[in-house]
Protein backbone atom coordinates (compact mmCIF):
# COMPACT_ATOMS: atom_id res chain seq x y z
CA MET A 1 -13.49 15.72 -1.09
CA HIS A 2 -13.82 14.06 2.73
CA LEU A 3 -12.18 17.11 4.20
CA ASP A 4 -15.37 18.42 5.63
CA TYR A 5 -17.05 15.20 6.18
CA ASP A 6 -13.98 14.13 8.58
CA ALA A 7 -14.54 17.66 10.17
CA TRP A 8 -17.82 17.00 11.04
CA MET A 9 -17.12 13.22 12.36
CA MET A 10 -14.01 14.83 13.94
CA THR A 11 -15.87 17.29 15.85
CA LYS A 12 -18.72 15.24 17.11
CA ILE A 13 -15.98 12.82 18.96
CA PHE A 14 -14.77 14.47 20.50
CA HIS A 15 -17.52 15.41 22.50
CA LEU A 16 -17.93 12.15 23.12
CA SER A 17 -17.81 12.74 27.57
CA ASP A 18 -14.68 14.09 29.17
CA CYS A 19 -14.28 10.12 30.90
CA ALA A 20 -13.65 8.09 27.51
CA LEU A 21 -11.96 11.53 26.04
CA ILE A 22 -9.36 10.81 29.46
CA ARG A 23 -9.28 6.62 28.95
CA MET A 24 -7.91 6.81 25.50
CA VAL A 25 -5.44 9.42 26.56
CA ASN A 26 -4.51 7.11 29.45
CA HIS A 27 -4.48 4.12 26.92
CA LEU A 28 -1.90 5.96 24.23
CA PHE A 29 0.51 7.87 26.78
CA GLY A 30 0.43 5.51 29.93
CA THR A 31 -1.37 8.44 32.16
CA GLU A 32 -3.15 7.64 34.88
CA TYR A 33 -5.87 11.08 35.04
CA THR A 34 -8.90 9.33 36.93
CA ASP A 35 -12.82 9.81 35.03
CA GLY A 36 -13.28 13.45 37.27
CA GLU A 37 -10.19 15.29 35.52
CA THR A 38 -11.94 18.29 33.82
CA VAL A 39 -10.93 18.79 29.51
CA GLN A 40 -10.91 21.12 28.00
CA LYS A 41 -11.04 21.83 24.08
CA GLU A 42 -9.24 23.63 21.41
CA TRP A 43 -9.98 23.71 18.13
CA SER A 44 -7.92 24.40 14.70
CA ARG A 45 -8.05 23.47 10.95
CA LYS A 46 -5.97 24.78 8.36
CA LYS A 47 -5.08 21.14 5.83
CA ALA A 48 -7.68 19.07 8.52
CA VAL A 49 -9.24 19.47 11.90
CA ARG A 50 -6.60 19.12 15.04
CA VAL A 51 -7.72 19.26 18.24
CA CYS A 52 -6.05 20.10 21.95
CA LEU A 53 -6.70 18.21 25.06
CA THR A 54 -6.19 20.17 27.93
CA ILE A 55 -6.31 17.39 31.11
CA GLY A 56 -5.87 18.67 34.40
CA CYS A 57 -5.97 22.28 33.75
CA ALA A 58 -2.08 22.26 32.17
CA ASN A 59 -1.00 18.92 30.64
CA ARG A 60 -2.15 19.12 26.73
CA TYR A 61 -2.58 16.14 23.90
CA GLY A 62 -3.10 16.38 20.67
CA PHE A 63 -5.11 14.54 17.48
CA GLN A 64 -5.09 15.25 13.98
CA MET A 65 -7.09 12.44 11.42
CA ARG A 66 -4.32 12.63 8.27
CA ARG A 67 -5.01 11.01 4.66
CA LEU A 68 -1.33 9.30 3.74
CA GLY A 69 -1.04 6.98 0.56
CA GLY A 70 -4.77 6.65 0.66
CA CYS A 71 -4.17 5.54 4.58
CA LEU A 72 -6.00 6.90 7.48
CA GLN A 73 -3.67 8.10 9.74
CA ILE A 74 -3.90 9.06 13.27
CA HIS A 75 -1.57 11.99 15.07
CA ALA A 76 -1.37 12.34 18.27
CA GLU A 77 0.88 13.87 20.37
CA ASP A 78 2.04 14.73 23.99
CA MET A 79 2.00 18.45 24.00
CA GLY A 80 3.37 18.49 27.73
CA CYS A 81 2.23 21.25 30.21
CA ARG A 82 1.27 24.30 29.05
CA PHE A 83 3.87 26.27 30.57
CA HIS A 84 6.96 24.35 29.56
CA TYR A 85 7.26 25.88 26.19
CA GLU A 86 7.42 29.54 28.16
CA ASP A 87 10.21 28.15 29.19
CA ALA A 88 12.03 26.21 27.05
CA ALA A 89 15.56 27.52 26.12
CA GLU A 90 15.34 25.43 22.53
CA HIS A 91 12.93 23.27 20.82
CA SER A 92 14.36 20.56 18.72
CA ALA A 93 13.34 19.41 15.77
CA LEU A 94 10.69 16.06 15.35
CA GLN A 95 13.12 12.99 16.97
CA LEU A 96 12.61 8.82 16.23
CA GLY A 97 11.62 7.49 19.23
CA GLU A 98 14.00 4.74 20.18
CA ALA A 99 10.20 2.87 20.74
CA GLY A 100 10.24 1.93 16.86
CA ASN A 101 7.11 0.74 14.78
CA ALA A 102 4.36 -1.31 16.32
CA CYS A 103 1.55 -2.85 14.66
CA PHE A 104 -1.84 -4.63 15.35
CA GLY A 105 -3.12 -6.53 12.68
CA LYS A 106 -2.56 -4.27 9.64
CA ASN A 107 -2.65 -1.13 11.61
CA THR A 108 0.46 0.55 12.08
CA ARG A 109 2.60 2.92 15.09
CA GLU A 110 5.35 4.84 14.74
CA SER A 111 6.06 6.73 17.99
CA TYR A 112 8.54 9.68 18.06
CA CYS A 113 9.74 12.33 20.35
CA THR A 114 9.90 16.25 20.92
CA ILE A 115 12.75 16.78 23.44
CA LEU A 116 12.38 20.32 25.20
CA GLU A 117 15.99 22.04 26.69
CA PHE A 118 15.93 24.70 29.52
CA THR A 119 18.29 26.52 30.24
CA GLY A 120 19.34 24.32 33.71
CA HIS A 121 20.57 21.14 30.68
CA GLU A 122 17.04 19.39 31.73
CA ARG A 123 14.96 17.86 29.75
CA ILE A 124 11.70 16.71 28.86
CA VAL A 125 10.81 14.40 26.59
CA LEU A 126 7.05 13.88 24.95
CA PRO A 127 6.59 11.36 23.02
CA VAL A 128 4.33 11.62 19.69
CA TYR A 129 2.36 8.38 17.38
CA ASP A 130 1.60 8.34 13.84
CA ILE A 131 -0.90 5.51 13.83
CA ARG A 132 -1.73 4.32 10.49
CA VAL A 133 -4.53 3.03 10.00
CA SER A 134 -5.48 -0.31 6.97
CA ASP A 135 -7.45 -2.63 9.16
CA ARG A 136 -11.56 -2.11 9.43
CA SER A 137 -11.70 -4.12 12.75
CA ALA A 138 -12.75 -2.78 15.72
CA TRP A 139 -11.62 -5.34 17.68
CA ARG A 140 -7.66 -3.82 17.04
CA LEU A 141 -8.57 -0.49 17.40
CA GLU A 142 -10.32 -1.25 20.87
CA GLU A 143 -7.26 -2.99 22.63
CA ALA A 144 -4.91 -0.37 21.27
CA GLY A 145 -7.76 2.12 22.84
CA LEU A 146 -8.59 4.60 19.66
CA ILE A 147 -12.10 3.03 20.24
CA LEU A 148 -13.39 6.60 19.83
CA PHE A 149 -12.45 6.52 15.68
CA LEU A 150 -14.07 3.70 15.36
CA PRO A 151 -16.58 5.02 12.51
CA PHE A 152 -13.78 6.27 10.34
CA LEU A 153 -13.69 2.49 10.10
CA CYS A 154 -16.29 2.57 7.58
CA TYR A 155 -13.30 4.00 4.89
CA CYS A 156 -11.31 0.38 5.09
CA PHE A 157 -13.94 -0.70 4.58
CA ALA A 158 -15.42 0.70 1.60
CA ALA A 159 -12.04 0.90 0.14
CA GLU A 160 -12.46 -3.27 0.09
CA PRO A 161 -13.12 -5.00 -3.54
CA GLU A 162 -15.28 -8.20 -3.35
CA VAL A 163 -18.30 -9.12 -4.80
CA PRO A 164 -22.26 -8.03 -4.05
CA GLU A 165 -23.32 -10.97 -2.24
CA ILE A 166 -19.94 -11.10 -0.22
CA ARG A 167 -19.86 -7.04 0.68
CA GLN A 168 -23.62 -7.82 1.66
CA GLU A 169 -22.85 -9.88 4.64
CA SER A 170 -19.38 -8.16 5.84
CA LEU A 171 -21.24 -5.59 5.85
CA LYS A 172 -23.77 -7.38 8.21
CA SER A 173 -20.92 -9.50 10.34
CA PHE A 174 -18.79 -5.64 10.45
CA VAL A 175 -21.41 -3.85 12.10
CA ILE A 176 -23.31 -6.66 14.66
CA HIS A 177 -19.93 -8.27 15.28
CA ASP A 178 -17.24 -5.97 14.76
CA ILE A 179 -18.99 -2.65 15.57
CA VAL A 180 -21.60 -3.23 17.79
CA GLY A 181 -19.49 -6.09 19.82
CA ALA A 182 -16.34 -3.88 20.50
CA LEU A 183 -18.90 -1.35 21.69
CA HIS A 184 -19.96 -3.12 23.99
CA VAL A 185 -17.25 -4.44 25.64
CA SER A 186 -15.32 -0.94 25.60
CA MET A 187 -18.08 -0.65 27.19
CA LYS A 188 -17.50 -2.79 30.19
CA LYS A 189 -14.15 -1.85 30.21
CA GLY A 190 -15.75 1.65 31.50
CA ASP A 191 -13.89 2.99 28.22
CA LEU A 192 -17.13 4.41 27.09
CA THR A 193 -20.25 5.64 28.35
CA VAL A 194 -23.87 3.63 28.27
CA PHE A 195 -24.48 7.65 26.05
CA ASP A 196 -20.79 7.29 24.45
CA VAL A 197 -22.06 3.88 22.98
CA GLN A 198 -25.11 5.49 21.11
CA ARG A 199 -23.44 8.21 20.27
CA LEU A 200 -20.95 6.47 18.43
CA LYS A 201 -23.36 3.99 16.66
CA GLN A 202 -25.34 6.75 15.12
CA CYS A 203 -21.78 7.85 13.89
CA CYS A 204 -21.17 4.94 12.30
CA ARG A 205 -24.53 4.90 10.98
CA HIS A 206 -24.07 8.34 9.28
CA MET A 207 -20.69 6.97 8.01
CA ILE A 208 -22.01 3.73 6.25
CA PHE A 209 -24.35 5.38 4.36
CA ARG A 210 -22.44 8.45 3.70
CA LEU A 211 -19.84 5.88 2.20
CA LEU A 212 -22.71 2.86 0.75
CA SER A 213 -25.64 4.37 -0.21
CA GLY A 214 -24.86 4.47 -3.49
CA GLU A 215 -24.17 1.13 -4.25
CA GLY A 216 -26.23 -0.98 -6.15
CA TRP A 217 -25.90 -4.71 -3.02
CA MET A 218 -27.13 -1.66 -0.97
CA GLN A 219 -30.74 -1.04 -2.66
CA ASP A 220 -31.35 -4.53 -0.37
CA LEU A 221 -33.98 -3.64 1.51
CA GLU A 222 -33.14 -6.49 4.45
CA LEU A 223 -29.72 -5.30 4.23
CA GLN A 224 -30.29 -2.14 5.05
CA GLU A 225 -33.36 -2.74 8.47
CA VAL A 226 -30.02 -4.70 9.39
CA ILE A 227 -28.20 -1.51 9.28
CA LEU A 228 -30.31 0.29 11.07
CA ASP A 229 -31.42 -1.82 13.33
CA ALA A 230 -27.97 -2.62 14.87
CA LEU A 231 -27.12 0.56 14.85
CA GLU A 232 -30.33 2.41 15.89
CA THR A 233 -30.37 4.18 19.60
CA ASP A 234 -31.60 2.12 22.13
CA ILE A 235 -33.56 4.68 23.96
CA GLU A 236 -34.81 2.13 26.19
CA LEU A 237 -31.58 2.04 28.21
CA LEU A 238 -30.70 5.34 27.85
CA GLU A 239 -34.01 5.84 30.15
CA HIS A 240 -33.15 3.40 32.26
CA MET A 241 -29.65 4.49 33.28
CA TYR A 242 -31.62 8.74 33.39
CA GLN A 243 -33.98 6.96 35.96
CA ARG A 244 -31.10 5.40 37.58
């Protein structure tokens, strides 16, 4: 039921700045691309939206958002140089990598690899990660280099069973402390531009009201005002950056 909206949100996320996309790839795959590299995007959609980033004219990385057992999963794959597959003699099946599982909070990251074998017996090992997101902490997502997927944490919040009074306070903390706080930290690190932060705030606002607007406790006008104020686009900041 969320497929179309997830596709729309993935489109918004991967239209953030090239700098943000490059920093995410560097975090995930241990690469060292500079912010000035060119980024090309290719989209495909079958059962779920998939985007392929080509960085530096040759190296490709695939991303897909999936749902498994009620949990969100980010599938991230190093697809190698676009010329590798033309020369590869054999494409192996996906194999479990030696790194195994890693945890950050309740979230897990399973590591795999694809092995390309060439006629001269050369081999290239390409990492693949399946990251299951079941923890709504934006801080853990930021530490893992996945801050771009922040809007999808709203699904984790919506799935938590709490009484209405607690839900109101939890949502305020989630928005002000987790979402806005983590975005600010990521911007200070240089992983997001000022413009990326404002766009992600808009995406989180859209997601919150889409998922929770029908809840009785969300009809509280004071709560709605807090959310809108916290996730409002900072026009003065954008004007200042534009003038600079």
